[in-house]
All heavy atoms as atom14 arrays in JSON, in Angstrom:
{
  "sequence": "QAGGSLRLSCAASGNTFRTYNMGWFRQRPGKEREFVATISRGGTNTF",
  "atom14_mask": [
    [1, 1, 1, 1, 1, 1, 1, 1, 1, 0, 0, 0, 0, 0],
    [1, 1, 1, 1, 1, 0, 0, 0, 0, 0, 0, 0, 0, 0],
    [1, 1, 1, 1, 0, 0, 0, 0, 0, 0, 0, 0, 0, 0],
    [1, 1, 1, 1, 0, 0, 0, 0, 0, 0, 0, 0, 0, 0],
    [1, 1, 1, 1, 1, 1, 0, 0, 0, 0, 0, 0, 0, 0],
    [1, 1, 1, 1, 1, 1, 1, 1, 0, 0, 0, 0, 0, 0],
    [1, 1, 1, 1, 1, 1, 1, 1, 1, 1, 1, 0, 0, 0],
    [1, 1, 1, 1, 1, 1, 1, 1, 0, 0, 0, 0, 0, 0],
    [1, 1, 1, 1, 1, 1, 0, 0, 0, 0, 0, 0, 0, 0],
    [1, 1, 1, 1, 1, 1, 0, 0, 0, 0, 0, 0, 0, 0],
    [1, 1, 1, 1, 1, 0, 0, 0, 0, 0, 0, 0, 0, 0],
    [1, 1, 1, 1, 1, 0, 0, 0, 0, 0, 0, 0, 0, 0],
    [1, 1, 1, 1, 1, 1, 0, 0, 0, 0, 0, 0, 0, 0],
    [1, 1, 1, 1, 0, 0, 0, 0, 0, 0, 0, 0, 0, 0],
    [1, 1, 1, 1, 1, 1, 1, 1, 0, 0, 0, 0, 0, 0],
    [1, 1, 1, 1, 1, 1, 1, 0, 0, 0, 0, 0, 0, 0],
    [1, 1, 1, 1, 1, 1, 1, 1, 1, 1, 1, 0, 0, 0],
    [1, 1, 1, 1, 1, 1, 1, 1, 1, 1, 1, 0, 0, 0],
    [1, 1, 1, 1, 1, 1, 1, 0, 0, 0, 0, 0, 0, 0],
    [1, 1, 1, 1, 1, 1, 1, 1, 1, 1, 1, 1, 0, 0],
    [1, 1, 1, 1, 1, 1, 1, 1, 0, 0, 0, 0, 0, 0],
    [1, 1, 1, 1, 1, 1, 1, 1, 0, 0, 0, 0, 0, 0],
    [1, 1, 1, 1, 0, 0, 0, 0, 0, 0, 0, 0, 0, 0],
    [1, 1, 1, 1, 1, 1, 1, 1, 1, 1, 1, 1, 1, 1],
    [1, 1, 1, 1, 1, 1, 1, 1, 1, 1, 1, 0, 0, 0],
    [1, 1, 1, 1, 1, 1, 1, 1, 1, 1, 1, 0, 0, 0],
    [1, 1, 1, 1, 1, 1, 1, 1, 1, 0, 0, 0, 0, 0],
    [1, 1, 1, 1, 1, 1, 1, 1, 1, 1, 1, 0, 0, 0],
    [1, 1, 1, 1, 1, 1, 1, 0, 0, 0, 0, 0, 0, 0],
    [1, 1, 1, 1, 0, 0, 0, 0, 0, 0, 0, 0, 0, 0],
    [1, 1, 1, 1, 1, 1, 1, 1, 1, 0, 0, 0, 0, 0],
    [1, 1, 1, 1, 1, 1, 1, 1, 1, 0, 0, 0, 0, 0],
    [1, 1, 1, 1, 1, 1, 1, 1, 1, 1, 1, 0, 0, 0],
    [1, 1, 1, 1, 1, 1, 1, 1, 1, 0, 0, 0, 0, 0],
    [1, 1, 1, 1, 1, 1, 1, 1, 1, 1, 1, 0, 0, 0],
    [1, 1, 1, 1, 1, 1, 1, 0, 0, 0, 0, 0, 0, 0],
    [1, 1, 1, 1, 1, 0, 0, 0, 0, 0, 0, 0, 0, 0],
    [1, 1, 1, 1, 1, 1, 1, 0, 0, 0, 0, 0, 0, 0],
    [1, 1, 1, 1, 1, 1, 1, 1, 0, 0, 0, 0, 0, 0],
    [1, 1, 1, 1, 1, 1, 0, 0, 0, 0, 0, 0, 0, 0],
    [1, 1, 1, 1, 1, 1, 1, 1, 1, 1, 1, 0, 0, 0],
    [1, 1, 1, 1, 0, 0, 0, 0, 0, 0, 0, 0, 0, 0],
    [1, 1, 1, 1, 0, 0, 0, 0, 0, 0, 0, 0, 0, 0],
    [1, 1, 1, 1, 1, 1, 1, 0, 0, 0, 0, 0, 0, 0],
    [1, 1, 1, 1, 1, 1, 1, 1, 0, 0, 0, 0, 0, 0],
    [1, 1, 1, 1, 1, 1, 1, 0, 0, 0, 0, 0, 0, 0],
    [1, 1, 1, 1, 1, 1, 1, 1, 1, 1, 1, 0, 0, 0]
  ],
  "atom14_positions": [
    [[-85.88, -52.74, -3.25], [-85.03, -52.53, -2.12], [-83.61, -52.16, -2.55], [-83.15, -52.56, -3.65], [-84.97, -53.74, -1.21], [-86.31, -54.09, -0.57], [-86.15, -55.19, 0.45], [-85.42, -55.04, 1.45], [-86.84, -56.29, 0.23], [0.0, 0.0, 0.0], [0.0, 0.0, 0.0], [0.0, 0.0, 0.0], [0.0, 0.0, 0.0], [0.0, 0.0, 0.0]],
    [[-82.92, -51.44, -1.67], [-81.52, -51.08, -2.01], [-80.69, -52.38, -2.23], [-80.86, -53.38, -1.58], [-80.88, -50.35, -0.83], [0.0, 0.0, 0.0], [0.0, 0.0, 0.0], [0.0, 0.0, 0.0], [0.0, 0.0, 0.0], [0.0, 0.0, 0.0], [0.0, 0.0, 0.0], [0.0, 0.0, 0.0], [0.0, 0.0, 0.0], [0.0, 0.0, 0.0]],
    [[-79.85, -52.31, -3.29], [-79.08, -53.45, -3.71], [-79.76, -54.29, -4.78], [-79.15, -55.13, -5.39], [0.0, 0.0, 0.0], [0.0, 0.0, 0.0], [0.0, 0.0, 0.0], [0.0, 0.0, 0.0], [0.0, 0.0, 0.0], [0.0, 0.0, 0.0], [0.0, 0.0, 0.0], [0.0, 0.0, 0.0], [0.0, 0.0, 0.0], [0.0, 0.0, 0.0]],
    [[-81.02, -54.01, -5.05], [-81.79, -54.73, -6.06], [-81.56, -54.23, -7.48], [-80.76, -53.29, -7.67], [0.0, 0.0, 0.0], [0.0, 0.0, 0.0], [0.0, 0.0, 0.0], [0.0, 0.0, 0.0], [0.0, 0.0, 0.0], [0.0, 0.0, 0.0], [0.0, 0.0, 0.0], [0.0, 0.0, 0.0], [0.0, 0.0, 0.0], [0.0, 0.0, 0.0]],
    [[-82.33, -54.78, -8.34], [-82.19, -54.42, -9.78], [-83.52, -54.18, -10.41], [-84.55, -54.72, -10.0], [-81.51, -55.56, -10.55], [-80.22, -55.81, -10.09], [0.0, 0.0, 0.0], [0.0, 0.0, 0.0], [0.0, 0.0, 0.0], [0.0, 0.0, 0.0], [0.0, 0.0, 0.0], [0.0, 0.0, 0.0], [0.0, 0.0, 0.0], [0.0, 0.0, 0.0]],
    [[-83.54, -53.28, -11.43], [-84.66, -53.05, -12.27], [-84.14, -52.9, -13.67], [-83.05, -52.44, -13.92], [-85.42, -51.76, -11.89], [-86.31, -51.84, -10.62], [-86.85, -50.46, -10.33], [-87.46, -52.8, -10.84], [0.0, 0.0, 0.0], [0.0, 0.0, 0.0], [0.0, 0.0, 0.0], [0.0, 0.0, 0.0], [0.0, 0.0, 0.0], [0.0, 0.0, 0.0]],
    [[-85.01, -53.15, -14.64], [-84.67, -52.88, -16.04], [-85.78, -52.0, -16.65], [-86.92, -52.43, -16.71], [-84.6, -54.21, -16.85], [-84.14, -54.06, -18.25], [-83.98, -55.38, -18.96], [-83.55, -55.23, -20.35], [-82.32, -55.13, -20.77], [-81.3, -55.16, -19.83], [-82.0, -55.02, -22.02], [0.0, 0.0, 0.0], [0.0, 0.0, 0.0], [0.0, 0.0, 0.0]],
    [[-85.4, -50.87, -17.07], [-86.32, -49.95, -17.76], [-86.21, -50.15, -19.24], [-85.17, -50.37, -19.77], [-85.94, -48.5, -17.41], [-85.84, -48.09, -15.92], [-85.59, -46.62, -15.8], [-87.13, -48.46, -15.23], [0.0, 0.0, 0.0], [0.0, 0.0, 0.0], [0.0, 0.0, 0.0], [0.0, 0.0, 0.0], [0.0, 0.0, 0.0], [0.0, 0.0, 0.0]],
    [[-87.36, -50.0, -19.87], [-87.44, -50.06, -21.34], [-88.19, -48.82, -21.88], [-89.03, -48.29, -21.21], [-88.13, -51.34, -21.81], [-87.37, -52.49, -21.46], [0.0, 0.0, 0.0], [0.0, 0.0, 0.0], [0.0, 0.0, 0.0], [0.0, 0.0, 0.0], [0.0, 0.0, 0.0], [0.0, 0.0, 0.0], [0.0, 0.0, 0.0], [0.0, 0.0, 0.0]],
    [[-87.81, -48.44, -23.05], [-88.47, -47.32, -23.71], [-88.72, -47.72, -25.15], [-87.82, -48.03, -25.92], [-87.52, -46.08, -23.65], [-88.13, -44.68, -24.62], [0.0, 0.0, 0.0], [0.0, 0.0, 0.0], [0.0, 0.0, 0.0], [0.0, 0.0, 0.0], [0.0, 0.0, 0.0], [0.0, 0.0, 0.0], [0.0, 0.0, 0.0], [0.0, 0.0, 0.0]],
    [[-90.0, -47.64, -25.53], [-90.38, -47.99, -26.89], [-90.73, -46.74, -27.66], [-91.57, -45.94, -27.22], [-91.57, -48.96, -26.85], [0.0, 0.0, 0.0], [0.0, 0.0, 0.0], [0.0, 0.0, 0.0], [0.0, 0.0, 0.0], [0.0, 0.0, 0.0], [0.0, 0.0, 0.0], [0.0, 0.0, 0.0], [0.0, 0.0, 0.0], [0.0, 0.0, 0.0]],
    [[-90.13, -46.61, -28.83], [-90.4, -45.5, -29.74], [-91.4, -45.92, -30.8], [-91.35, -47.02, -31.33], [-89.12, -44.99, -30.41], [0.0, 0.0, 0.0], [0.0, 0.0, 0.0], [0.0, 0.0, 0.0], [0.0, 0.0, 0.0], [0.0, 0.0, 0.0], [0.0, 0.0, 0.0], [0.0, 0.0, 0.0], [0.0, 0.0, 0.0], [0.0, 0.0, 0.0]],
    [[-92.33, -45.05, -31.15], [-93.29, -45.31, -32.13], [-93.53, -44.02, -32.93], [-93.11, -42.94, -32.56], [-94.59, -45.88, -31.58], [-95.19, -44.91, -30.72], [0.0, 0.0, 0.0], [0.0, 0.0, 0.0], [0.0, 0.0, 0.0], [0.0, 0.0, 0.0], [0.0, 0.0, 0.0], [0.0, 0.0, 0.0], [0.0, 0.0, 0.0], [0.0, 0.0, 0.0]],
    [[-94.31, -44.15, -34.03], [-94.58, -43.03, -34.86], [-93.49, -42.96, -35.94], [-93.05, -43.99, -36.5], [0.0, 0.0, 0.0], [0.0, 0.0, 0.0], [0.0, 0.0, 0.0], [0.0, 0.0, 0.0], [0.0, 0.0, 0.0], [0.0, 0.0, 0.0], [0.0, 0.0, 0.0], [0.0, 0.0, 0.0], [0.0, 0.0, 0.0], [0.0, 0.0, 0.0]],
    [[-93.01, -41.74, -36.21], [-92.0, -41.49, -37.26], [-90.59, -41.75, -36.63], [-89.93, -40.8, -36.2], [-92.09, -40.15, -37.86], [-91.25, -40.0, -39.11], [-90.56, -40.92, -39.5], [-91.29, -38.82, -39.72], [0.0, 0.0, 0.0], [0.0, 0.0, 0.0], [0.0, 0.0, 0.0], [0.0, 0.0, 0.0], [0.0, 0.0, 0.0], [0.0, 0.0, 0.0]],
    [[-90.16, -42.98, -36.65], [-88.87, -43.34, -36.01], [-87.71, -43.45, -37.02], [-86.65, -43.82, -36.62], [-89.05, -44.69, -35.25], [-89.41, -45.71, -36.19], [-90.07, -44.57, -34.13], [0.0, 0.0, 0.0], [0.0, 0.0, 0.0], [0.0, 0.0, 0.0], [0.0, 0.0, 0.0], [0.0, 0.0, 0.0], [0.0, 0.0, 0.0], [0.0, 0.0, 0.0]],
    [[-87.92, -43.05, -38.26], [-86.93, -43.11, -39.27], [-85.71, -42.3, -38.91], [-85.86, -41.08, -38.55], [-87.47, -42.69, -40.64], [-86.45, -42.69, -41.72], [-86.0, -43.91, -42.23], [-85.96, -41.54, -42.26], [-85.05, -43.95, -43.26], [-85.01, -41.54, -43.3], [-84.61, -42.75, -43.8], [0.0, 0.0, 0.0], [0.0, 0.0, 0.0], [0.0, 0.0, 0.0]],
    [[-84.57, -42.9, -38.98], [-83.24, -42.23, -38.67], [-83.21, -41.58, -37.31], [-82.77, -40.46, -37.14], [-82.97, -41.22, -39.79], [-82.75, -41.8, -41.18], [-81.53, -42.78, -41.2], [-80.29, -42.07, -40.93], [-79.57, -41.44, -41.84], [-79.92, -41.45, -43.13], [-78.43, -40.88, -41.52], [0.0, 0.0, 0.0], [0.0, 0.0, 0.0], [0.0, 0.0, 0.0]],
    [[-83.64, -42.3, -36.31], [-83.36, -41.85, -34.96], [-81.87, -42.14, -34.66], [-81.35, -43.14, -35.08], [-84.25, -42.54, -33.93], [-84.14, -43.95, -34.07], [-85.7, -42.14, -34.11], [0.0, 0.0, 0.0], [0.0, 0.0, 0.0], [0.0, 0.0, 0.0], [0.0, 0.0, 0.0], [0.0, 0.0, 0.0], [0.0, 0.0, 0.0], [0.0, 0.0, 0.0]],
    [[-81.27, -41.25, -33.96], [-79.81, -41.38, -33.65], [-79.61, -41.75, -32.21], [-79.97, -42.85, -31.81], [-79.11, -40.08, -34.03], [-79.17, -39.84, -35.55], [-80.17, -39.03, -36.13], [-78.2, -40.42, -36.36], [-80.21, -38.84, -37.49], [-78.26, -40.21, -37.77], [-79.24, -39.45, -38.3], [-79.32, -39.24, -39.69], [0.0, 0.0, 0.0], [0.0, 0.0, 0.0]],
    [[-78.96, -40.88, -31.5], [-78.71, -41.25, -30.08], [-79.99, -41.33, -29.31], [-80.99, -40.68, -29.54], [-77.81, -40.21, -29.43], [-78.38, -38.81, -29.44], [-78.66, -38.24, -30.52], [-78.58, -38.23, -28.23], [0.0, 0.0, 0.0], [0.0, 0.0, 0.0], [0.0, 0.0, 0.0], [0.0, 0.0, 0.0], [0.0, 0.0, 0.0], [0.0, 0.0, 0.0]],
    [[-79.97, -42.25, -28.33], [-81.1, -42.42, -27.39], [-80.49, -42.5, -26.0], [-79.3, -42.78, -25.84], [-81.92, -43.66, -27.67], [-82.57, -43.69, -29.03], [-83.6, -45.14, -29.3], [-85.06, -44.71, -28.28], [0.0, 0.0, 0.0], [0.0, 0.0, 0.0], [0.0, 0.0, 0.0], [0.0, 0.0, 0.0], [0.0, 0.0, 0.0], [0.0, 0.0, 0.0]],
    [[-81.26, -42.26, -25.02], [-80.76, -42.31, -23.68], [-81.77, -42.02, -22.59], [-82.99, -41.99, -22.82], [0.0, 0.0, 0.0], [0.0, 0.0, 0.0], [0.0, 0.0, 0.0], [0.0, 0.0, 0.0], [0.0, 0.0, 0.0], [0.0, 0.0, 0.0], [0.0, 0.0, 0.0], [0.0, 0.0, 0.0], [0.0, 0.0, 0.0], [0.0, 0.0, 0.0]],
    [[-81.21, -41.77, -21.44], [-82.01, -41.55, -20.22], [-81.54, -40.4, -19.41], [-80.36, -40.19, -19.22], [-81.99, -42.81, -19.32], [-82.49, -44.05, -19.99], [-81.84, -44.98, -20.75], [-83.88, -44.53, -19.9], [-82.68, -45.92, -21.16], [-83.93, -45.73, -20.63], [-85.01, -44.13, -19.26], [-85.11, -46.42, -20.75], [-86.19, -44.78, -19.35], [-86.22, -45.97, -20.12]],
    [[-82.5, -39.63, -18.9], [-82.32, -38.65, -17.84], [-83.17, -39.06, -16.65], [-84.02, -39.94, -16.77], [-82.75, -37.24, -18.32], [-81.66, -36.51, -19.14], [-81.26, -36.97, -20.35], [-81.14, -35.34, -18.63], [-80.34, -36.28, -21.07], [-80.16, -34.66, -19.33], [-79.76, -35.09, -20.54], [0.0, 0.0, 0.0], [0.0, 0.0, 0.0], [0.0, 0.0, 0.0]],
    [[-82.89, -38.44, -15.53], [-83.76, -38.67, -14.4], [-83.91, -37.39, -13.61], [-83.11, -36.49, -13.66], [-83.16, -39.82, -13.49], [-81.88, -39.4, -12.69], [-81.34, -40.59, -11.96], [-80.11, -40.24, -11.24], [-79.4, -41.15, -10.57], [-79.74, -42.4, -10.55], [-78.29, -40.71, -9.93], [0.0, 0.0, 0.0], [0.0, 0.0, 0.0], [0.0, 0.0, 0.0]],
    [[-84.98, -37.36, -12.79], [-85.2, -36.19, -11.97], [-85.53, -36.72, -10.56], [-86.57, -37.34, -10.36], [-86.35, -35.33, -12.47], [-86.53, -34.03, -11.74], [-87.35, -33.02, -12.55], [-88.0, -33.38, -13.47], [-87.25, -31.76, -12.15], [0.0, 0.0, 0.0], [0.0, 0.0, 0.0], [0.0, 0.0, 0.0], [0.0, 0.0, 0.0], [0.0, 0.0, 0.0]],
    [[-84.62, -36.43, -9.66], [-84.76, -36.84, -8.28], [-85.6, -35.82, -7.53], [-85.68, -34.7, -7.93], [-83.38, -37.0, -7.65], [-82.53, -38.11, -8.28], [-81.06, -37.85, -8.16], [-80.61, -38.03, -6.72], [-79.43, -37.76, -6.33], [-78.49, -37.35, -7.19], [-79.12, -37.91, -5.02], [0.0, 0.0, 0.0], [0.0, 0.0, 0.0], [0.0, 0.0, 0.0]],
    [[-86.3, -36.27, -6.45], [-87.16, -35.35, -5.74], [-86.47, -34.08, -5.35], [-85.41, -34.12, -4.7], [-87.63, -36.21, -4.56], [-87.48, -37.59, -5.0], [-86.3, -37.62, -5.89], [0.0, 0.0, 0.0], [0.0, 0.0, 0.0], [0.0, 0.0, 0.0], [0.0, 0.0, 0.0], [0.0, 0.0, 0.0], [0.0, 0.0, 0.0], [0.0, 0.0, 0.0]],
    [[-87.06, -32.93, -5.7], [-86.51, -31.61, -5.33], [-85.32, -31.22, -6.09], [-84.71, -30.21, -5.69], [0.0, 0.0, 0.0], [0.0, 0.0, 0.0], [0.0, 0.0, 0.0], [0.0, 0.0, 0.0], [0.0, 0.0, 0.0], [0.0, 0.0, 0.0], [0.0, 0.0, 0.0], [0.0, 0.0, 0.0], [0.0, 0.0, 0.0], [0.0, 0.0, 0.0]],
    [[-84.88, -31.97, -7.1], [-83.72, -31.58, -7.86], [-84.02, -31.46, -9.34], [-85.03, -31.9, -9.81], [-82.61, -32.71, -7.66], [-82.14, -32.81, -6.2], [-81.04, -33.8, -6.1], [-80.56, -33.91, -4.63], [-79.44, -34.9, -4.48], [0.0, 0.0, 0.0], [0.0, 0.0, 0.0], [0.0, 0.0, 0.0], [0.0, 0.0, 0.0], [0.0, 0.0, 0.0]],
    [[-83.05, -30.87, -10.04], [-83.23, -30.71, -11.48], [-82.98, -32.02, -12.26], [-82.4, -32.96, -11.71], [-82.26, -29.62, -12.02], [-80.78, -29.98, -11.86], [-80.22, -29.68, -10.48], [-80.97, -29.22, -9.59], [-79.05, -29.97, -10.23], [0.0, 0.0, 0.0], [0.0, 0.0, 0.0], [0.0, 0.0, 0.0], [0.0, 0.0, 0.0], [0.0, 0.0, 0.0]],
    [[-83.45, -32.02, -13.44], [-83.24, -33.2, -14.26], [-81.77, -33.43, -14.61], [-81.08, -32.42, -14.94], [-84.07, -33.12, -15.57], [-84.13, -34.38, -16.38], [-85.09, -34.23, -17.62], [-86.45, -33.98, -17.18], [-87.5, -33.99, -18.0], [-87.28, -34.17, -19.33], [-88.72, -33.73, -17.53], [0.0, 0.0, 0.0], [0.0, 0.0, 0.0], [0.0, 0.0, 0.0]],
    [[-81.29, -34.59, -14.55], [-79.9, -34.87, -14.77], [-79.62, -36.02, -15.72], [-80.46, -36.92, -15.87], [-79.18, -35.24, -13.39], [-79.68, -36.49, -12.77], [-79.03, -36.8, -11.46], [-77.79, -37.04, -11.47], [-79.79, -36.84, -10.43], [0.0, 0.0, 0.0], [0.0, 0.0, 0.0], [0.0, 0.0, 0.0], [0.0, 0.0, 0.0], [0.0, 0.0, 0.0]],
    [[-78.54, -35.98, -16.42], [-78.18, -36.93, -17.42], [-77.85, -38.27, -16.76], [-77.15, -38.29, -15.71], [-77.01, -36.47, -18.24], [-76.41, -37.52, -19.15], [-76.97, -37.89, -20.32], [-75.24, -38.12, -18.77], [-76.41, -38.83, -21.14], [-74.65, -39.12, -19.55], [-75.29, -39.46, -20.76], [0.0, 0.0, 0.0], [0.0, 0.0, 0.0], [0.0, 0.0, 0.0]],
    [[-78.26, -39.39, -17.36], [-77.93, -40.73, -16.82], [-77.08, -41.5, -17.82], [-75.99, -41.94, -17.45], [-79.24, -41.54, -16.53], [-78.86, -42.95, -16.1], [-80.05, -40.84, -15.48], [0.0, 0.0, 0.0], [0.0, 0.0, 0.0], [0.0, 0.0, 0.0], [0.0, 0.0, 0.0], [0.0, 0.0, 0.0], [0.0, 0.0, 0.0], [0.0, 0.0, 0.0]],
    [[-77.54, -41.65, -19.08], [-76.78, -42.48, -20.03], [-77.25, -42.16, -21.41], [-78.4, -41.75, -21.64], [-76.93, -43.98, -19.72], [0.0, 0.0, 0.0], [0.0, 0.0, 0.0], [0.0, 0.0, 0.0], [0.0, 0.0, 0.0], [0.0, 0.0, 0.0], [0.0, 0.0, 0.0], [0.0, 0.0, 0.0], [0.0, 0.0, 0.0], [0.0, 0.0, 0.0]],
    [[-76.37, -42.42, -22.38], [-76.73, -42.24, -23.77], [-76.04, -43.34, -24.58], [-75.09, -43.92, -24.17], [-76.31, -40.87, -24.3], [-76.87, -40.66, -25.63], [-74.79, -40.74, -24.39], [0.0, 0.0, 0.0], [0.0, 0.0, 0.0], [0.0, 0.0, 0.0], [0.0, 0.0, 0.0], [0.0, 0.0, 0.0], [0.0, 0.0, 0.0], [0.0, 0.0, 0.0]],
    [[-76.63, -43.66, -25.76], [-76.11, -44.67, -26.64], [-76.26, -44.2, -28.08], [-77.22, -43.58, -28.47], [-76.86, -46.01, -26.4], [-76.22, -47.15, -27.17], [-78.37, -45.85, -26.72], [-76.73, -48.52, -26.75], [0.0, 0.0, 0.0], [0.0, 0.0, 0.0], [0.0, 0.0, 0.0], [0.0, 0.0, 0.0], [0.0, 0.0, 0.0], [0.0, 0.0, 0.0]],
    [[-75.21, -44.56, -28.87], [-75.18, -44.13, -30.27], [-76.16, -44.92, -31.1], [-76.73, -45.94, -30.68], [-73.79, -44.3, -30.82], [-73.35, -45.63, -30.78], [0.0, 0.0, 0.0], [0.0, 0.0, 0.0], [0.0, 0.0, 0.0], [0.0, 0.0, 0.0], [0.0, 0.0, 0.0], [0.0, 0.0, 0.0], [0.0, 0.0, 0.0], [0.0, 0.0, 0.0]],
    [[-76.32, -44.43, -32.38], [-77.21, -45.1, -33.29], [-76.91, -46.54, -33.46], [-77.82, -47.41, -33.46], [-77.13, -44.39, -34.62], [-77.81, -45.1, -35.79], [-79.36, -45.15, -35.58], [-80.0, -45.75, -36.73], [-81.29, -46.07, -36.8], [-82.05, -45.8, -35.71], [-81.8, -46.6, -37.84], [0.0, 0.0, 0.0], [0.0, 0.0, 0.0], [0.0, 0.0, 0.0]],
    [[-75.67, -46.92, -33.63], [-75.29, -48.28, -33.83], [-75.29, -49.12, -32.56], [-75.14, -50.38, -32.65], [0.0, 0.0, 0.0], [0.0, 0.0, 0.0], [0.0, 0.0, 0.0], [0.0, 0.0, 0.0], [0.0, 0.0, 0.0], [0.0, 0.0, 0.0], [0.0, 0.0, 0.0], [0.0, 0.0, 0.0], [0.0, 0.0, 0.0], [0.0, 0.0, 0.0]],
    [[-75.35, -48.51, -31.41], [-75.39, -49.21, -30.15], [-74.03, -49.59, -29.63], [-73.97, -50.24, -28.55], [0.0, 0.0, 0.0], [0.0, 0.0, 0.0], [0.0, 0.0, 0.0], [0.0, 0.0, 0.0], [0.0, 0.0, 0.0], [0.0, 0.0, 0.0], [0.0, 0.0, 0.0], [0.0, 0.0, 0.0], [0.0, 0.0, 0.0], [0.0, 0.0, 0.0]],
    [[-72.95, -49.19, -30.29], [-71.63, -49.58, -29.85], [-70.97, -48.6, -28.94], [-70.05, -48.94, -28.2], [-70.72, -49.9, -31.05], [-70.65, -48.73, -31.87], [-71.27, -51.06, -31.86], [0.0, 0.0, 0.0], [0.0, 0.0, 0.0], [0.0, 0.0, 0.0], [0.0, 0.0, 0.0], [0.0, 0.0, 0.0], [0.0, 0.0, 0.0], [0.0, 0.0, 0.0]],
    [[-71.38, -47.36, -29.0], [-70.82, -46.31, -28.11], [-71.81, -45.88, -27.14], [-72.93, -45.51, -27.4], [-70.45, -45.09, -29.01], [-69.33, -45.42, -30.0], [-68.43, -46.17, -29.67], [-69.39, -44.8, -31.18], [0.0, 0.0, 0.0], [0.0, 0.0, 0.0], [0.0, 0.0, 0.0], [0.0, 0.0, 0.0], [0.0, 0.0, 0.0], [0.0, 0.0, 0.0]],
    [[-71.36, -45.97, -25.88], [-72.22, -45.6, -24.74], [-71.45, -44.67, -23.78], [-70.25, -44.68, -23.73], [-72.69, -46.83, -23.95], [-71.57, -47.51, -23.41], [-73.46, -47.8, -24.88], [0.0, 0.0, 0.0], [0.0, 0.0, 0.0], [0.0, 0.0, 0.0], [0.0, 0.0, 0.0], [0.0, 0.0, 0.0], [0.0, 0.0, 0.0], [0.0, 0.0, 0.0]],
    [[-72.2, -43.93, -23.05], [-71.64, -43.09, -22.02], [-72.61, -43.0, -20.85], [-73.82, -42.79, -21.02], [-71.39, -41.67, -22.55], [-70.7, -40.75, -21.56], [-69.32, -40.86, -21.31], [-71.47, -39.84, -20.85], [-68.75, -40.03, -20.41], [-70.84, -38.99, -19.9], [-69.51, -39.09, -19.7], [0.0, 0.0, 0.0], [0.0, 0.0, 0.0], [0.0, 0.0, 0.0]]
  ]
}
């Protein structure tokens, strides 16, 4: 419901050596995919 919370998780597998930035995009109904958030390799820089 509106006002509530969810926590999304993403697990990487396979050849994960030296992965750098990770993040999220989303695609709303009838719209193009849009940027949501990104995080640096060390996890200290986010946008």
